[in-house]
Amino acid sequence: MPFHQFDFFNQRDEYVYDPTYVYIDTNTCRLTRRNTLGNWALDGLFYESTVTFPEWTGTAIRQLTSISWRTTTPEDSEVGFQVSTDGGTVYQYYDGADWQTASVTDWTSIDDFATGIPQLSTTRLIVKMRMTPSSDNARTPLVELVNIYYEGVWNYFEDLKRTLKHEIDTNLEIDIAWGRKIVASTTSIPLDTQWEILSVETAYDLTNDPYRATNLYQSYSSTPTPTVTLTSAISNATLEVNMKTRCPVFLSADENFIISEIPAIVLELPSAVEDDYQAKNLFEYEPIRQSNLFRRREKSIPIQSTIILRCLSDREVDSLAMLDGVSDIFEGEGVVRSLATGEDFFVLTFQPLRANDVISTGLYDKATQMLVIGNQELTRYTEVPGAVDISITLSGATVFTEEEHPITNSALPKSDICSTIAPEEEVIS
């Protein structure tokens, strides 16, 4: 079953704690010794303190189900928990029956946390942890991780395309050079452009200053009409304005996308899973007593998908600028956090694919591709008739049959799909 891990390994996460009393390394969290002056000392004592984990948000979490943990509590030291489902405004503890608003003294034991977690209905969660040393202040609890298991709503591919679209929508910046012939003397120039302007960087009089030595940009106003104001008037000259802009991002199957709405970036649906998605690595089996049935133990597997991004514009230079803007987001090896589960997708490569100029429609269509890898969590035990039912459950939600599974987008003949997905099976009689 898929789970989110609260641990201390991911250094880009930000934990809230007092480093005077708490020490965090790449694997564990524990209290640190302090003397009466508050300085570290070998003969110092441990003092109670708290650690707040970064918020975990997953928009497609159906149900929290259970937890597991790895903690050490020597002697009578303790680890307690509080949770927040509203971004940290209110914290709660489990009293053995219900989740209640917590005071500074109300904390949930790890066992009660495990009992109460299925009663939390939320798609966002902050976990706060209190570490209490032994009664003689000589021993510290040690915390490595807490896993929270859940059932999801979206399947892997739905999550992937939504997450990547959101990442581009949020971070896209495109450097565009806008030009216009200015006849009458003026310092105020309307920017009639299809781009959504984020900011104006520079403005140059290319007729009288071809080497761009003097930046004439003074200010920019977006209302009521996007307008740039220059430091001095120009006339009978070509003005170049350099802007940071953005454009709409669509999924290729988006019903709101029309070809006239350009410039635009189109995110093609994920392609087939790559060759190392081998059926023999997907499942483990164990017999059960009922005749002609087996039990399939499903587990996490890495899936890699090729994503195509198309940048459409009526100017070739703008399409190339759009490619640059997208590549800045995913440059090199990157990590994109899933919208559905809060887990990570890894973008391993990002490279040009083709330049297919659709001259007949007046478009320049520049495409690029990236390889994205993420862990597909296959869910609970399922009992199916031997060598008959080949459907699989993705992310605890959507069931794909031979005809529906995204792998049908591959170059494999459809008749080969069954043998690709389903491992060899031994029927237990």
Protein backbone atom coordinates (compact mmCIF):
# COMPACT_ATOMS: atom_id res chain seq x y z
CA MET A 1 0.00 0.00 0.00
CA PRO A 2 1.36 3.49 -0.79
CA PHE A 3 2.71 5.49 2.11
CA HIS A 4 4.31 8.81 2.94
CA GLN A 5 7.47 8.72 5.01
CA PHE A 6 8.23 11.35 7.63
CA ASP A 7 11.97 11.04 8.09
CA PHE A 8 15.18 13.09 8.22
CA PHE A 9 16.80 12.00 4.97
CA ASN A 10 15.47 14.60 2.55
CA GLN A 11 17.54 17.69 3.18
CA ARG A 12 15.33 19.98 1.10
CA ASP A 13 12.57 19.52 3.66
CA GLU A 14 12.48 22.12 6.40
CA TYR A 15 11.94 20.94 9.97
CA VAL A 16 10.95 23.34 12.73
CA TYR A 17 12.97 22.67 15.88
CA ASP A 18 15.34 24.25 18.40
CA PRO A 19 18.91 23.20 17.51
CA THR A 20 19.95 23.99 21.07
CA TYR A 21 18.15 20.89 22.31
CA VAL A 22 17.58 18.77 19.19
CA TYR A 23 20.12 17.23 16.82
CA ILE A 24 19.08 16.04 13.33
CA ASP A 25 21.39 14.21 10.93
CA THR A 26 20.57 12.48 7.66
CA ASN A 27 19.07 9.44 9.35
CA THR A 28 17.88 10.20 12.85
CA CYS A 29 16.56 12.80 15.27
CA ARG A 30 17.48 12.90 18.95
CA LEU A 31 17.97 15.26 21.86
CA THR A 32 21.40 16.74 22.50
CA ARG A 33 23.19 17.22 25.82
CA ARG A 34 23.27 20.68 27.43
CA ASN A 35 24.74 21.98 30.66
CA THR A 36 23.10 24.54 32.95
CA LEU A 37 24.42 27.38 30.76
CA GLY A 38 22.77 25.92 27.68
CA ASN A 39 26.04 24.81 26.08
CA TRP A 40 26.83 21.35 24.80
CA ALA A 41 28.74 19.29 27.34
CA LEU A 42 29.69 15.63 27.57
CA ASP A 43 28.27 15.46 31.06
CA GLY A 44 25.23 17.56 30.18
CA LEU A 45 21.62 16.45 30.38
CA PHE A 46 18.82 16.05 27.83
CA TYR A 47 15.80 18.35 27.87
CA GLU A 48 12.35 17.90 26.36
CA SER A 49 11.85 19.52 22.96
CA THR A 50 9.70 19.31 19.81
CA VAL A 51 10.20 18.84 16.06
CA THR A 52 7.61 19.79 13.43
CA PHE A 53 7.79 18.01 10.10
CA PRO A 54 7.07 19.87 6.84
CA GLU A 55 3.46 19.73 5.69
CA TRP A 56 2.49 16.77 3.54
CA THR A 57 -0.18 17.60 0.95
CA GLY A 58 -1.81 15.14 -1.41
CA THR A 59 -4.91 16.31 -3.26
CA ALA A 60 -5.97 12.78 -4.25
CA ILE A 61 -5.73 10.95 -0.92
CA ARG A 62 -8.90 8.98 -0.32
CA GLN A 63 -8.20 7.65 3.18
CA LEU A 64 -5.39 7.45 5.71
CA THR A 65 -5.25 3.84 6.84
CA SER A 66 -2.39 3.02 9.23
CA ILE A 67 1.14 3.90 10.35
CA SER A 68 4.43 2.19 11.03
CA TRP A 69 7.43 3.63 12.82
CA ARG A 70 11.04 3.16 13.76
CA THR A 71 11.77 4.71 17.15
CA THR A 72 13.85 3.83 20.22
CA THR A 73 12.76 4.89 23.72
CA PRO A 74 15.31 3.78 26.33
CA GLU A 75 14.19 3.49 29.95
CA ASP A 76 11.12 5.72 30.43
CA SER A 77 11.83 8.22 27.65
CA GLU A 78 8.89 8.98 25.37
CA VAL A 79 7.87 10.21 21.94
CA GLY A 80 4.50 11.95 21.59
CA PHE A 81 2.65 13.37 18.59
CA GLN A 82 0.21 16.07 17.58
CA VAL A 83 -1.22 16.61 14.09
CA SER A 84 -2.70 19.53 12.21
CA THR A 85 -5.04 19.25 9.22
CA ASP A 86 -5.42 23.00 8.60
CA GLY A 87 -1.86 24.13 7.92
CA GLY A 88 -0.79 24.48 11.53
CA THR A 89 -3.57 26.73 12.88
CA VAL A 90 -4.96 24.07 15.21
CA TYR A 91 -3.15 20.96 16.47
CA GLN A 92 -4.98 17.84 17.66
CA TYR A 93 -4.25 14.78 19.78
CA TYR A 94 -6.04 11.43 19.99
CA ASP A 95 -7.63 10.73 23.35
CA GLY A 96 -8.28 7.04 22.65
CA ALA A 97 -11.69 7.69 21.08
CA ASP A 98 -11.59 10.93 19.06
CA TRP A 99 -9.22 13.63 17.86
CA GLN A 100 -9.40 16.66 20.16
CA THR A 101 -7.90 20.15 20.10
CA ALA A 102 -4.54 19.91 21.85
CA SER A 103 -2.96 22.14 24.45
CA VAL A 104 0.81 22.26 25.01
CA THR A 105 0.48 19.31 27.41
CA ASP A 106 -1.72 17.05 25.23
CA TRP A 107 0.24 14.51 23.20
CA THR A 108 -0.61 11.23 21.51
CA SER A 109 1.48 8.12 22.08
CA ILE A 110 2.72 6.26 19.02
CA ASP A 111 0.25 3.42 19.69
CA ASP A 112 -2.71 5.78 19.98
CA PHE A 113 -1.49 7.59 16.86
CA ALA A 114 -1.71 4.28 14.99
CA THR A 115 -5.20 3.64 16.37
CA GLY A 116 -6.56 7.09 15.51
CA ILE A 117 -5.02 7.73 12.09
CA PRO A 118 -7.92 6.15 10.10
CA GLN A 119 -10.30 8.66 11.72
CA LEU A 120 -8.45 11.63 10.18
CA SER A 121 -10.14 12.78 6.98
CA THR A 122 -7.69 15.13 5.28
CA THR A 123 -5.55 15.74 2.21
CA ARG A 124 -2.97 17.75 4.16
CA LEU A 125 -1.13 16.84 7.32
CA ILE A 126 1.48 18.37 9.63
CA VAL A 127 3.02 16.09 12.24
CA LYS A 128 4.59 17.58 15.37
CA MET A 129 6.69 15.33 17.58
CA ARG A 130 7.68 15.82 21.22
CA MET A 131 10.74 13.98 22.52
CA THR A 132 10.89 13.51 26.29
CA PRO A 133 14.10 12.19 27.89
CA SER A 134 14.19 9.61 30.65
CA SER A 135 13.18 10.80 34.10
CA ASP A 136 16.84 11.27 35.12
CA ASN A 137 17.48 13.28 31.90
CA ALA A 138 20.30 10.87 31.01
CA ARG A 139 18.75 9.00 28.06
CA THR A 140 17.24 10.37 24.85
CA PRO A 141 14.63 8.84 22.56
CA LEU A 142 15.79 8.21 19.00
CA VAL A 143 13.46 8.67 16.00
CA GLU A 144 14.25 7.44 12.49
CA LEU A 145 10.93 7.58 10.64
CA VAL A 146 7.16 7.39 10.76
CA ASN A 147 5.28 6.00 7.72
CA ILE A 148 1.65 6.93 7.08
CA TYR A 149 -0.20 4.59 4.73
CA TYR A 150 -3.10 5.74 2.59
CA GLU A 151 -5.43 4.88 -0.26
CA GLY A 152 -5.31 7.12 -3.33
CA VAL A 153 -7.86 8.30 -5.88
CA TRP A 154 -5.84 9.03 -9.01
CA ASN A 155 -3.88 6.44 -10.90
CA TYR A 156 -0.18 6.96 -11.55
CA PHE A 157 -0.50 8.40 -15.04
CA GLU A 158 -3.27 10.83 -14.11
CA ASP A 159 -1.13 12.08 -11.23
CA LEU A 160 1.93 12.39 -13.47
CA LYS A 161 0.31 14.58 -16.11
CA ARG A 162 -1.48 16.80 -13.57
CA THR A 163 1.69 17.25 -11.53
CA LEU A 164 3.86 18.21 -14.50
CA LYS A 165 1.26 20.66 -15.81
CA HIS A 166 1.05 22.29 -12.39
CA GLU A 167 4.86 22.51 -12.17
CA ILE A 168 5.07 24.27 -15.53
CA ASP A 169 2.09 26.54 -14.81
CA THR A 170 3.64 27.63 -11.52
CA ASN A 171 7.25 28.19 -12.58
CA LEU A 172 7.19 29.10 -16.28
CA GLU A 173 9.06 32.26 -17.31
CA ILE A 174 9.73 32.98 -21.00
CA ASP A 175 12.17 35.68 -22.16
CA ILE A 176 10.54 37.49 -25.10
CA ALA A 177 11.86 40.39 -27.17
CA TRP A 178 8.94 42.57 -28.36
CA GLY A 179 9.57 45.08 -31.13
CA ARG A 180 7.64 47.95 -32.70
CA LYS A 181 8.27 50.87 -35.05
CA ILE A 182 7.54 54.11 -33.14
CA VAL A 183 6.66 57.07 -35.39
CA ALA A 184 5.30 59.89 -33.21
CA SER A 185 7.44 61.13 -30.32
CA THR A 186 6.34 59.48 -27.05
CA THR A 187 7.54 57.99 -23.78
CA SER A 188 4.47 55.78 -23.23
CA ILE A 189 4.26 52.64 -25.37
CA PRO A 190 1.29 50.19 -25.25
CA LEU A 191 2.46 46.57 -25.37
CA ASP A 192 -0.01 44.84 -27.69
CA THR A 193 1.01 41.22 -27.21
CA GLN A 194 -0.64 37.83 -26.69
CA TRP A 195 1.82 36.99 -23.91
CA GLU A 196 0.96 37.30 -20.23
CA ILE A 197 3.59 39.79 -19.10
CA LEU A 198 5.25 39.04 -15.76
CA SER A 199 7.79 41.88 -15.83
CA VAL A 200 9.63 44.22 -18.20
CA GLU A 201 13.43 44.11 -18.01
CA THR A 202 14.88 46.51 -20.61
CA ALA A 203 13.92 48.78 -23.53
CA TYR A 204 16.26 49.94 -26.33
CA ASP A 205 16.10 52.32 -29.30
CA LEU A 206 17.61 50.04 -31.93
CA THR A 207 17.65 52.71 -34.63
CA ASN A 208 19.88 55.13 -32.73
CA ASP A 209 21.42 52.63 -30.28
CA PRO A 210 21.99 49.39 -32.22
CA TYR A 211 24.50 48.10 -29.63
CA ARG A 212 21.96 48.46 -26.79
CA ALA A 213 24.18 50.70 -24.68
CA THR A 214 21.38 52.74 -23.09
CA ASN A 215 18.45 51.13 -21.31
CA LEU A 216 15.42 53.40 -21.74
CA TYR A 217 13.11 51.39 -19.47
CA GLN A 218 11.58 53.35 -16.59
CA SER A 219 8.41 51.57 -15.47
CA TYR A 220 5.68 49.16 -16.47
CA SER A 221 1.95 49.23 -15.78
CA SER A 222 -0.36 46.28 -16.43
CA THR A 223 -3.65 48.20 -16.11
CA PRO A 224 -5.79 49.26 -17.80
CA THR A 225 -3.61 48.38 -20.84
CA PRO A 226 -0.10 46.90 -20.55
CA THR A 227 2.15 49.92 -21.07
CA VAL A 228 5.87 50.59 -20.74
CA THR A 229 7.17 54.08 -19.87
CA LEU A 230 10.57 55.20 -21.18
CA THR A 231 13.07 57.56 -19.57
CA SER A 232 13.11 59.73 -22.72
CA ALA A 233 10.91 60.07 -25.79
CA ILE A 234 11.73 58.35 -29.07
CA SER A 235 10.36 58.88 -32.57
CA ASN A 236 10.89 57.36 -36.02
CA ALA A 237 12.76 54.52 -34.38
CA THR A 238 12.45 50.78 -33.70
CA LEU A 239 11.85 50.01 -30.04
CA GLU A 240 12.85 46.65 -28.49
CA VAL A 241 11.30 45.71 -25.15
CA ASN A 242 12.63 42.61 -23.34
CA MET A 243 10.06 40.97 -21.09
CA LYS A 244 9.55 37.95 -18.88
CA THR A 245 6.27 36.36 -19.88
CA ARG A 246 4.23 33.19 -19.64
CA CYS A 247 1.62 31.46 -21.78
CA PRO A 248 -1.19 28.92 -21.24
CA VAL A 249 -0.28 25.28 -20.61
CA PHE A 250 -2.65 22.60 -21.87
CA LEU A 251 -2.93 18.84 -21.81
CA SER A 252 -3.23 17.43 -25.30
CA ALA A 253 -6.71 16.08 -24.50
CA ASP A 254 -7.84 19.32 -22.83
CA GLU A 255 -11.23 20.29 -24.20
CA ASN A 256 -10.41 23.98 -23.61
CA PHE A 257 -7.44 23.91 -25.97
CA ILE A 258 -8.00 25.39 -29.43
CA ILE A 259 -5.30 25.89 -32.01
CA SER A 260 -6.00 29.61 -32.28
CA GLU A 261 -5.07 30.09 -28.64
CA ILE A 262 -1.35 30.62 -29.18
CA PRO A 263 1.31 30.97 -27.98
CA ALA A 264 0.71 27.83 -25.92
CA ILE A 265 2.56 24.84 -24.47
CA VAL A 266 0.92 21.45 -24.94
CA LEU A 267 1.78 18.57 -22.61
CA GLU A 268 1.36 15.27 -24.43
CA LEU A 269 -0.04 12.38 -22.41
CA PRO A 270 2.55 9.99 -20.94
CA SER A 271 3.89 7.43 -23.36
CA ALA A 272 4.19 3.70 -22.78
CA VAL A 273 6.16 2.41 -19.85
CA GLU A 274 9.76 1.68 -20.79
CA ASP A 275 11.30 -1.77 -21.26
CA ASP A 276 12.53 -2.23 -17.72
CA TYR A 277 8.92 -2.40 -16.54
CA GLN A 278 9.23 -6.17 -16.45
CA ALA A 279 6.34 -8.29 -15.29
CA LYS A 280 8.61 -10.74 -13.53
CA ASN A 281 9.60 -7.96 -11.10
CA LEU A 282 6.04 -6.85 -10.36
CA PHE A 283 4.60 -9.57 -8.23
CA GLU A 284 5.41 -12.24 -5.72
CA TYR A 285 3.09 -15.15 -5.14
CA GLU A 286 2.04 -17.35 -2.33
CA PRO A 287 -0.47 -20.23 -2.48
CA ILE A 288 -3.73 -20.26 -0.60
CA ARG A 289 -5.85 -23.27 0.18
CA GLN A 290 -8.71 -22.59 -2.17
CA SER A 291 -8.42 -24.58 -5.41
CA ASN A 292 -7.21 -22.82 -8.57
CA LEU A 293 -6.51 -19.49 -6.84
CA PHE A 294 -3.35 -17.71 -5.95
CA ARG A 295 -2.66 -14.63 -3.87
CA ARG A 296 -0.70 -11.84 -5.48
CA ARG A 297 1.51 -9.76 -3.22
CA GLU A 298 1.75 -6.40 -4.92
CA LYS A 299 4.58 -4.01 -4.22
CA SER A 300 6.19 -0.72 -5.24
CA ILE A 301 7.91 -0.61 -8.61
CA PRO A 302 9.76 2.16 -10.47
CA ILE A 303 8.07 3.23 -13.70
CA GLN A 304 9.69 5.47 -16.27
CA SER A 305 7.68 7.42 -18.82
CA THR A 306 8.61 9.70 -21.70
CA ILE A 307 6.73 13.00 -21.67
CA ILE A 308 6.55 15.19 -24.80
CA LEU A 309 6.20 18.97 -24.54
CA ARG A 310 5.21 20.97 -27.63
CA CYS A 311 5.78 24.73 -27.79
CA LEU A 312 3.51 26.44 -30.33
CA SER A 313 3.91 30.01 -31.54
CA ASP A 314 3.62 32.05 -34.74
CA ARG A 315 7.29 33.09 -34.47
CA GLU A 316 10.08 30.55 -34.46
CA VAL A 317 12.20 32.59 -32.06
CA ASP A 318 9.32 32.62 -29.57
CA SER A 319 8.83 28.84 -29.78
CA LEU A 320 12.52 28.40 -29.03
CA ALA A 321 12.25 30.85 -26.12
CA MET A 322 9.37 28.77 -24.76
CA LEU A 323 11.58 25.68 -24.90
CA ASP A 324 14.23 27.56 -22.94
CA GLY A 325 11.66 28.57 -20.33
CA VAL A 326 10.50 25.01 -19.82
CA SER A 327 14.05 23.63 -19.75
CA ASP A 328 14.94 26.10 -16.96
CA ILE A 329 12.29 24.39 -14.79
CA PHE A 330 13.55 20.85 -15.38
CA GLU A 331 17.20 21.57 -16.11
CA GLY A 332 19.48 18.62 -15.39
CA GLU A 333 18.32 16.16 -12.79
CA GLY A 334 15.29 17.47 -10.97
CA VAL A 335 12.59 16.47 -8.53
CA VAL A 336 8.89 17.26 -8.92
CA ARG A 337 6.57 16.65 -5.99
CA SER A 338 3.38 14.75 -6.78
CA LEU A 339 0.12 16.67 -6.40
CA ALA A 340 -1.76 13.49 -5.52
CA THR A 341 0.46 11.95 -2.85
CA GLY A 342 3.22 14.42 -1.97
CA GLU A 343 5.86 11.92 -3.11
CA ASP A 344 8.62 12.66 -5.64
CA PHE A 345 8.88 12.17 -9.39
CA PHE A 346 12.45 12.26 -10.70
CA VAL A 347 13.08 14.06 -14.01
CA LEU A 348 16.24 12.40 -15.28
CA THR A 349 16.70 13.86 -18.76
CA PHE A 350 15.44 16.80 -20.69
CA GLN A 351 16.44 17.11 -24.34
CA PRO A 352 15.27 18.47 -27.73
CA LEU A 353 13.23 16.01 -29.74
CA ARG A 354 12.20 17.56 -33.02
CA ALA A 355 11.42 20.83 -34.78
CA ASN A 356 8.26 20.34 -36.78
CA ASP A 357 7.15 23.67 -38.21
CA VAL A 358 3.48 23.54 -39.16
CA ILE A 359 3.75 26.17 -41.89
CA SER A 360 0.30 25.39 -43.29
CA THR A 361 -1.31 26.68 -40.08
CA GLY A 362 1.21 29.45 -39.48
CA LEU A 363 2.69 27.73 -36.44
CA TYR A 364 6.19 26.90 -35.30
CA ASP A 365 5.96 23.69 -33.34
CA LYS A 366 9.07 22.93 -31.28
CA ALA A 367 9.04 19.80 -29.15
CA THR A 368 11.17 18.40 -26.39
CA GLN A 369 11.03 15.28 -24.23
CA MET A 370 11.88 14.31 -20.69
CA LEU A 371 12.19 11.01 -18.89
CA VAL A 372 10.28 10.90 -15.61
CA ILE A 373 10.63 8.10 -13.05
CA GLY A 374 8.40 7.53 -10.06
CA ASN A 375 7.44 4.69 -7.75
CA GLN A 376 4.12 3.17 -8.74
CA GLU A 377 2.55 1.80 -5.59
CA LEU A 378 0.59 -1.36 -6.34
CA THR A 379 -1.80 -1.99 -3.54
CA ARG A 380 -3.28 -4.60 -1.28
CA TYR A 381 -3.37 -8.39 -1.59
CA THR A 382 -5.76 -9.49 -4.30
CA GLU A 383 -7.05 -12.97 -4.99
CA VAL A 384 -7.78 -13.73 -8.65
CA PRO A 385 -8.29 -16.89 -10.72
CA GLY A 386 -4.98 -18.29 -11.91
CA ALA A 387 -3.83 -17.07 -15.33
CA VAL A 388 -7.20 -15.54 -16.16
CA ASP A 389 -7.69 -12.06 -14.74
CA ILE A 390 -4.81 -9.78 -15.75
CA SER A 391 -6.21 -6.47 -14.50
CA ILE A 392 -4.12 -4.50 -12.03
CA THR A 393 -5.01 -1.82 -9.52
CA LEU A 394 -3.06 1.41 -9.71
CA SER A 395 -2.76 3.71 -6.69
CA GLY A 396 -5.60 1.95 -4.97
CA ALA A 397 -8.12 3.46 -7.36
CA THR A 398 -8.62 2.92 -11.08
CA VAL A 399 -8.61 -0.59 -12.50
CA PHE A 400 -7.23 -0.91 -16.03
CA THR A 401 -7.99 -3.88 -18.22
CA GLU A 402 -6.05 -4.94 -21.29
CA GLU A 403 -7.96 -2.45 -23.42
CA GLU A 404 -7.71 0.50 -21.01
CA HIS A 405 -4.23 0.36 -19.54
CA PRO A 406 -1.93 3.24 -20.68
CA ILE A 407 0.60 0.71 -21.90
CA THR A 408 -1.61 0.32 -24.97
CA ASN A 409 -0.01 3.53 -26.22
CA SER A 410 3.22 1.62 -26.75
CA ALA A 411 4.61 0.24 -29.95
CA LEU A 412 3.85 -3.28 -28.74
CA PRO A 413 1.18 -5.19 -30.67
CA LYS A 414 -1.97 -5.28 -28.64
CA SER A 415 -1.88 -9.05 -28.54
CA ASP A 416 1.41 -8.81 -26.63
CA ILE A 417 0.04 -6.65 -23.84
CA CYS A 418 -1.21 -9.56 -21.76
CA SER A 419 2.15 -11.24 -21.73
CA THR A 420 3.82 -7.92 -20.89
CA ILE A 421 1.69 -7.19 -17.86
CA ALA A 422 0.91 -10.62 -16.47
CA PRO A 423 3.76 -12.74 -15.13
CA GLU A 424 3.96 -16.44 -15.63
CA GLU A 425 1.67 -18.03 -13.09
CA GLU A 426 1.61 -21.43 -11.49
CA VAL A 427 -1.89 -22.54 -10.67
CA ILE A 428 -2.20 -24.06 -7.24
CA SER A 429 -4.65 -26.92 -7.24
